[in-house]
Amino acid sequence: MRVLIGQAARFTLVGVVLMGIDTGVFSALHWLGLALLPANGIARIVAALASFYLNGRYSFAGHGAPRPHAIRLGRYAAWWVLMTAISTGVLWACNQSFGESSVYVAKPVVEFVLAVIAFFVSRHWIYA
């Protein structure tokens, strides 16, 4: 149980940093005039690179069976594509339903929900 709590705490700390990176890059790009979908995609790519490194190095270091980084990266990439599709779809739906300003509120909420799910996927599949 201590291991799980420690991993969750480190994952949360890394996640806060990543949420700031993701939301900050998205907001800056969209504010500068880049369309919603490419801005979200670029922000998620930047955050994904940081996430794979930081979670592998700190959150789940030494967890699970030793696997080549290529296997973990492949699993991470598959999960990332799914999360990006969900995130982008929700932001697009908010933009269509509630207007452009809604995406600035929706973005951190969507990413928080996905992060909770990602902890368990990371622990039991990506870094296992």
C-alpha atoms as a PDB file:
ATOM      1  CA  MET A   1       0.000   0.000   0.000  1.00  0.00           C
ATOM      2  CA  ARG A   2       2.901   2.365   0.752  1.00  0.00           C
ATOM      3  CA  VAL A   3       4.261   1.807  -2.745  1.00  0.00           C
ATOM      4  CA  LEU A   4       0.889   2.637  -4.285  1.00  0.00           C
ATOM      5  CA  ILE A   5       0.555   5.806  -2.202  1.00  0.00           C
ATOM      6  CA  GLY A   6       4.096   6.879  -3.059  1.00  0.00           C
ATOM      7  CA  GLN A   7       3.513   6.308  -6.756  1.00  0.00           C
ATOM      8  CA  ALA A   8       0.213   8.178  -6.619  1.00  0.00           C
ATOM      9  CA  ALA A   9       1.849  11.109  -4.825  1.00  0.00           C
ATOM     10  CA  ARG A  10       4.719  11.316  -7.325  1.00  0.00           C
ATOM     11  CA  PHE A  11       2.305  10.864 -10.253  1.00  0.00           C
ATOM     12  CA  THR A  12       0.178  13.697  -8.877  1.00  0.00           C
ATOM     13  CA  LEU A  13       3.157  16.014  -8.486  1.00  0.00           C
ATOM     14  CA  VAL A  14       4.369  15.241 -11.992  1.00  0.00           C
ATOM     15  CA  GLY A  15       0.785  15.626 -13.218  1.00  0.00           C
ATOM     16  CA  VAL A  16       0.480  19.121 -11.788  1.00  0.00           C
ATOM     17  CA  VAL A  17       3.618  20.128 -13.669  1.00  0.00           C
ATOM     18  CA  LEU A  18       2.322  18.471 -16.835  1.00  0.00           C
ATOM     19  CA  MET A  19      -1.100  20.077 -16.549  1.00  0.00           C
ATOM     20  CA  GLY A  20       0.594  23.454 -16.329  1.00  0.00           C
ATOM     21  CA  ILE A  21       2.698  22.683 -19.391  1.00  0.00           C
ATOM     22  CA  ASP A  22      -0.243  21.322 -21.387  1.00  0.00           C
ATOM     23  CA  THR A  23      -2.719  24.042 -20.441  1.00  0.00           C
ATOM     24  CA  GLY A  24      -0.124  26.796 -20.782  1.00  0.00           C
ATOM     25  CA  VAL A  25       1.045  25.716 -24.234  1.00  0.00           C
ATOM     26  CA  PHE A  26      -2.549  25.181 -25.414  1.00  0.00           C
ATOM     27  CA  SER A  27      -3.724  28.545 -24.094  1.00  0.00           C
ATOM     28  CA  ALA A  28      -0.754  30.430 -25.529  1.00  0.00           C
ATOM     29  CA  LEU A  29      -1.060  28.836 -28.960  1.00  0.00           C
ATOM     30  CA  HIS A  30      -4.825  29.280 -29.126  1.00  0.00           C
ATOM     31  CA  TRP A  31      -4.593  32.880 -27.859  1.00  0.00           C
ATOM     32  CA  LEU A  32      -1.985  33.574 -30.559  1.00  0.00           C
ATOM     33  CA  GLY A  33      -4.514  32.477 -33.167  1.00  0.00           C
ATOM     34  CA  LEU A  34      -3.785  28.800 -33.755  1.00  0.00           C
ATOM     35  CA  ALA A  35      -7.001  26.821 -34.253  1.00  0.00           C
ATOM     36  CA  LEU A  36      -8.329  24.713 -31.394  1.00  0.00           C
ATOM     37  CA  LEU A  37      -7.455  21.270 -32.733  1.00  0.00           C
ATOM     38  CA  PRO A  38      -3.820  21.896 -33.694  1.00  0.00           C
ATOM     39  CA  ALA A  39      -3.232  23.921 -30.518  1.00  0.00           C
ATOM     40  CA  ASN A  40      -4.492  21.047 -28.393  1.00  0.00           C
ATOM     41  CA  GLY A  41      -2.485  18.512 -30.384  1.00  0.00           C
ATOM     42  CA  ILE A  42       0.759  20.448 -30.040  1.00  0.00           C
ATOM     43  CA  ALA A  43       0.183  21.066 -26.325  1.00  0.00           C
ATOM     44  CA  ARG A  44      -0.483  17.369 -25.756  1.00  0.00           C
ATOM     45  CA  ILE A  45       2.670  16.367 -27.687  1.00  0.00           C
ATOM     46  CA  VAL A  46       4.832  18.675 -25.582  1.00  0.00           C
ATOM     47  CA  ALA A  47       3.248  17.402 -22.364  1.00  0.00           C
ATOM     48  CA  ALA A  48       3.454  13.774 -23.553  1.00  0.00           C
ATOM     49  CA  LEU A  49       7.189  13.918 -24.055  1.00  0.00           C
ATOM     50  CA  ALA A  50       7.652  15.369 -20.599  1.00  0.00           C
ATOM     51  CA  SER A  51       5.172  12.874 -19.131  1.00  0.00           C
ATOM     52  CA  PHE A  52       6.825   9.750 -20.504  1.00  0.00           C
ATOM     53  CA  TYR A  53      10.192  10.842 -19.193  1.00  0.00           C
ATOM     54  CA  LEU A  54       9.107  12.188 -15.786  1.00  0.00           C
ATOM     55  CA  ASN A  55       6.717   9.361 -14.919  1.00  0.00           C
ATOM     56  CA  GLY A  56       9.222   6.714 -15.979  1.00  0.00           C
ATOM     57  CA  ARG A  57      11.999   8.417 -14.051  1.00  0.00           C
ATOM     58  CA  TYR A  58      10.112   9.398 -10.880  1.00  0.00           C
ATOM     59  CA  SER A  59       6.560   8.071 -10.563  1.00  0.00           C
ATOM     60  CA  PHE A  60       7.114   4.464 -11.586  1.00  0.00           C
ATOM     61  CA  ALA A  61      10.897   4.041 -11.341  1.00  0.00           C
ATOM     62  CA  GLY A  62      11.648   0.407 -10.543  1.00  0.00           C
ATOM     63  CA  HIS A  63       8.001  -0.652 -10.894  1.00  0.00           C
ATOM     64  CA  GLY A  64       7.056  -3.807 -12.754  1.00  0.00           C
ATOM     65  CA  ALA A  65       9.121  -6.125 -14.845  1.00  0.00           C
ATOM     66  CA  PRO A  66      12.137  -4.662 -16.599  1.00  0.00           C
ATOM     67  CA  ARG A  67      11.056  -3.948 -20.157  1.00  0.00           C
ATOM     68  CA  PRO A  68      12.820  -2.251 -23.032  1.00  0.00           C
ATOM     69  CA  HIS A  69      11.958   1.420 -23.286  1.00  0.00           C
ATOM     70  CA  ALA A  70      10.581   0.749 -26.783  1.00  0.00           C
ATOM     71  CA  ILE A  71       7.811  -1.481 -25.378  1.00  0.00           C
ATOM     72  CA  ARG A  72       6.861   1.068 -22.744  1.00  0.00           C
ATOM     73  CA  LEU A  73       7.020   3.869 -25.295  1.00  0.00           C
ATOM     74  CA  GLY A  74       4.784   1.912 -27.687  1.00  0.00           C
ATOM     75  CA  ARG A  75       2.223   1.319 -24.962  1.00  0.00           C
ATOM     76  CA  TYR A  76       2.453   4.930 -23.885  1.00  0.00           C
ATOM     77  CA  ALA A  77       1.988   6.133 -27.472  1.00  0.00           C
ATOM     78  CA  ALA A  78      -1.137   4.001 -27.947  1.00  0.00           C
ATOM     79  CA  TRP A  79      -2.631   5.299 -24.693  1.00  0.00           C
ATOM     80  CA  TRP A  80      -1.639   8.871 -25.555  1.00  0.00           C
ATOM     81  CA  VAL A  81      -3.416   8.702 -28.934  1.00  0.00           C
ATOM     82  CA  LEU A  82      -6.622   7.565 -27.233  1.00  0.00           C
ATOM     83  CA  MET A  83      -6.385  10.279 -24.539  1.00  0.00           C
ATOM     84  CA  THR A  84      -5.678  12.931 -27.158  1.00  0.00           C
ATOM     85  CA  ALA A  85      -8.717  11.897 -29.177  1.00  0.00           C
ATOM     86  CA  ILE A  86     -10.909  12.059 -26.074  1.00  0.00           C
ATOM     87  CA  SER A  87      -9.477  15.400 -24.950  1.00  0.00           C
ATOM     88  CA  THR A  88      -9.787  16.969 -28.375  1.00  0.00           C
ATOM     89  CA  GLY A  89     -13.309  15.625 -28.873  1.00  0.00           C
ATOM     90  CA  VAL A  90     -14.512  17.024 -25.566  1.00  0.00           C
ATOM     91  CA  LEU A  91     -12.921  20.420 -26.239  1.00  0.00           C
ATOM     92  CA  TRP A  92     -14.440  20.500 -29.722  1.00  0.00           C
ATOM     93  CA  ALA A  93     -17.869  19.627 -28.284  1.00  0.00           C
ATOM     94  CA  CYS A  94     -17.556  22.349 -25.624  1.00  0.00           C
ATOM     95  CA  ASN A  95     -16.527  24.877 -28.253  1.00  0.00           C
ATOM     96  CA  GLN A  96     -19.507  23.944 -30.444  1.00  0.00           C
ATOM     97  CA  SER A  97     -22.013  23.870 -27.581  1.00  0.00           C
ATOM     98  CA  PHE A  98     -20.876  26.645 -25.249  1.00  0.00           C
ATOM     99  CA  GLY A  99     -18.556  28.878 -27.270  1.00  0.00           C
ATOM    100  CA  GLU A 100     -14.840  29.401 -27.554  1.00  0.00           C
ATOM    101  CA  SER A 101     -14.280  30.693 -24.026  1.00  0.00           C
ATOM    102  CA  SER A 102     -15.571  27.410 -22.572  1.00  0.00           C
ATOM    103  CA  VAL A 103     -12.492  25.525 -23.725  1.00  0.00           C
ATOM    104  CA  TYR A 104     -10.287  27.402 -21.249  1.00  0.00           C
ATOM    105  CA  VAL A 105     -12.386  26.060 -18.382  1.00  0.00           C
ATOM    106  CA  ALA A 106     -12.940  22.627 -19.905  1.00  0.00           C
ATOM    107  CA  LYS A 107      -9.278  21.947 -20.708  1.00  0.00           C
ATOM    108  CA  PRO A 108      -7.978  21.516 -17.141  1.00  0.00           C
ATOM    109  CA  VAL A 109     -11.111  19.592 -16.090  1.00  0.00           C
ATOM    110  CA  VAL A 110     -10.808  17.147 -18.972  1.00  0.00           C
ATOM    111  CA  GLU A 111      -7.094  16.669 -18.377  1.00  0.00           C
ATOM    112  CA  PHE A 112      -7.658  16.041 -14.653  1.00  0.00           C
ATOM    113  CA  VAL A 113     -10.200  13.287 -15.327  1.00  0.00           C
ATOM    114  CA  LEU A 114      -7.911  11.702 -17.913  1.00  0.00           C
ATOM    115  CA  ALA A 115      -4.982  11.904 -15.491  1.00  0.00           C
ATOM    116  CA  VAL A 116      -6.817   9.896 -12.842  1.00  0.00           C
ATOM    117  CA  ILE A 117      -7.519   7.166 -15.390  1.00  0.00           C
ATOM    118  CA  ALA A 118      -3.958   7.416 -16.724  1.00  0.00           C
ATOM    119  CA  PHE A 119      -2.474   6.632 -13.304  1.00  0.00           C
ATOM    120  CA  PHE A 120      -4.021   3.185 -13.294  1.00  0.00           C
ATOM    121  CA  VAL A 121      -3.280   2.547 -16.962  1.00  0.00           C
ATOM    122  CA  SER A 122       0.334   3.613 -16.385  1.00  0.00           C
ATOM    123  CA  ARG A 123       0.743   1.520 -13.257  1.00  0.00           C
ATOM    124  CA  HIS A 124      -0.849  -1.632 -14.598  1.00  0.00           C
ATOM    125  CA  TRP A 125       0.039  -1.562 -18.294  1.00  0.00           C
ATOM    126  CA  ILE A 126       2.582   1.021 -19.453  1.00  0.00           C
ATOM    127  CA  TYR A 127       5.189   0.758 -16.689  1.00  0.00           C
ATOM    128  CA  ALA A 128       4.161  -2.704 -15.398  1.00  0.00           C
END
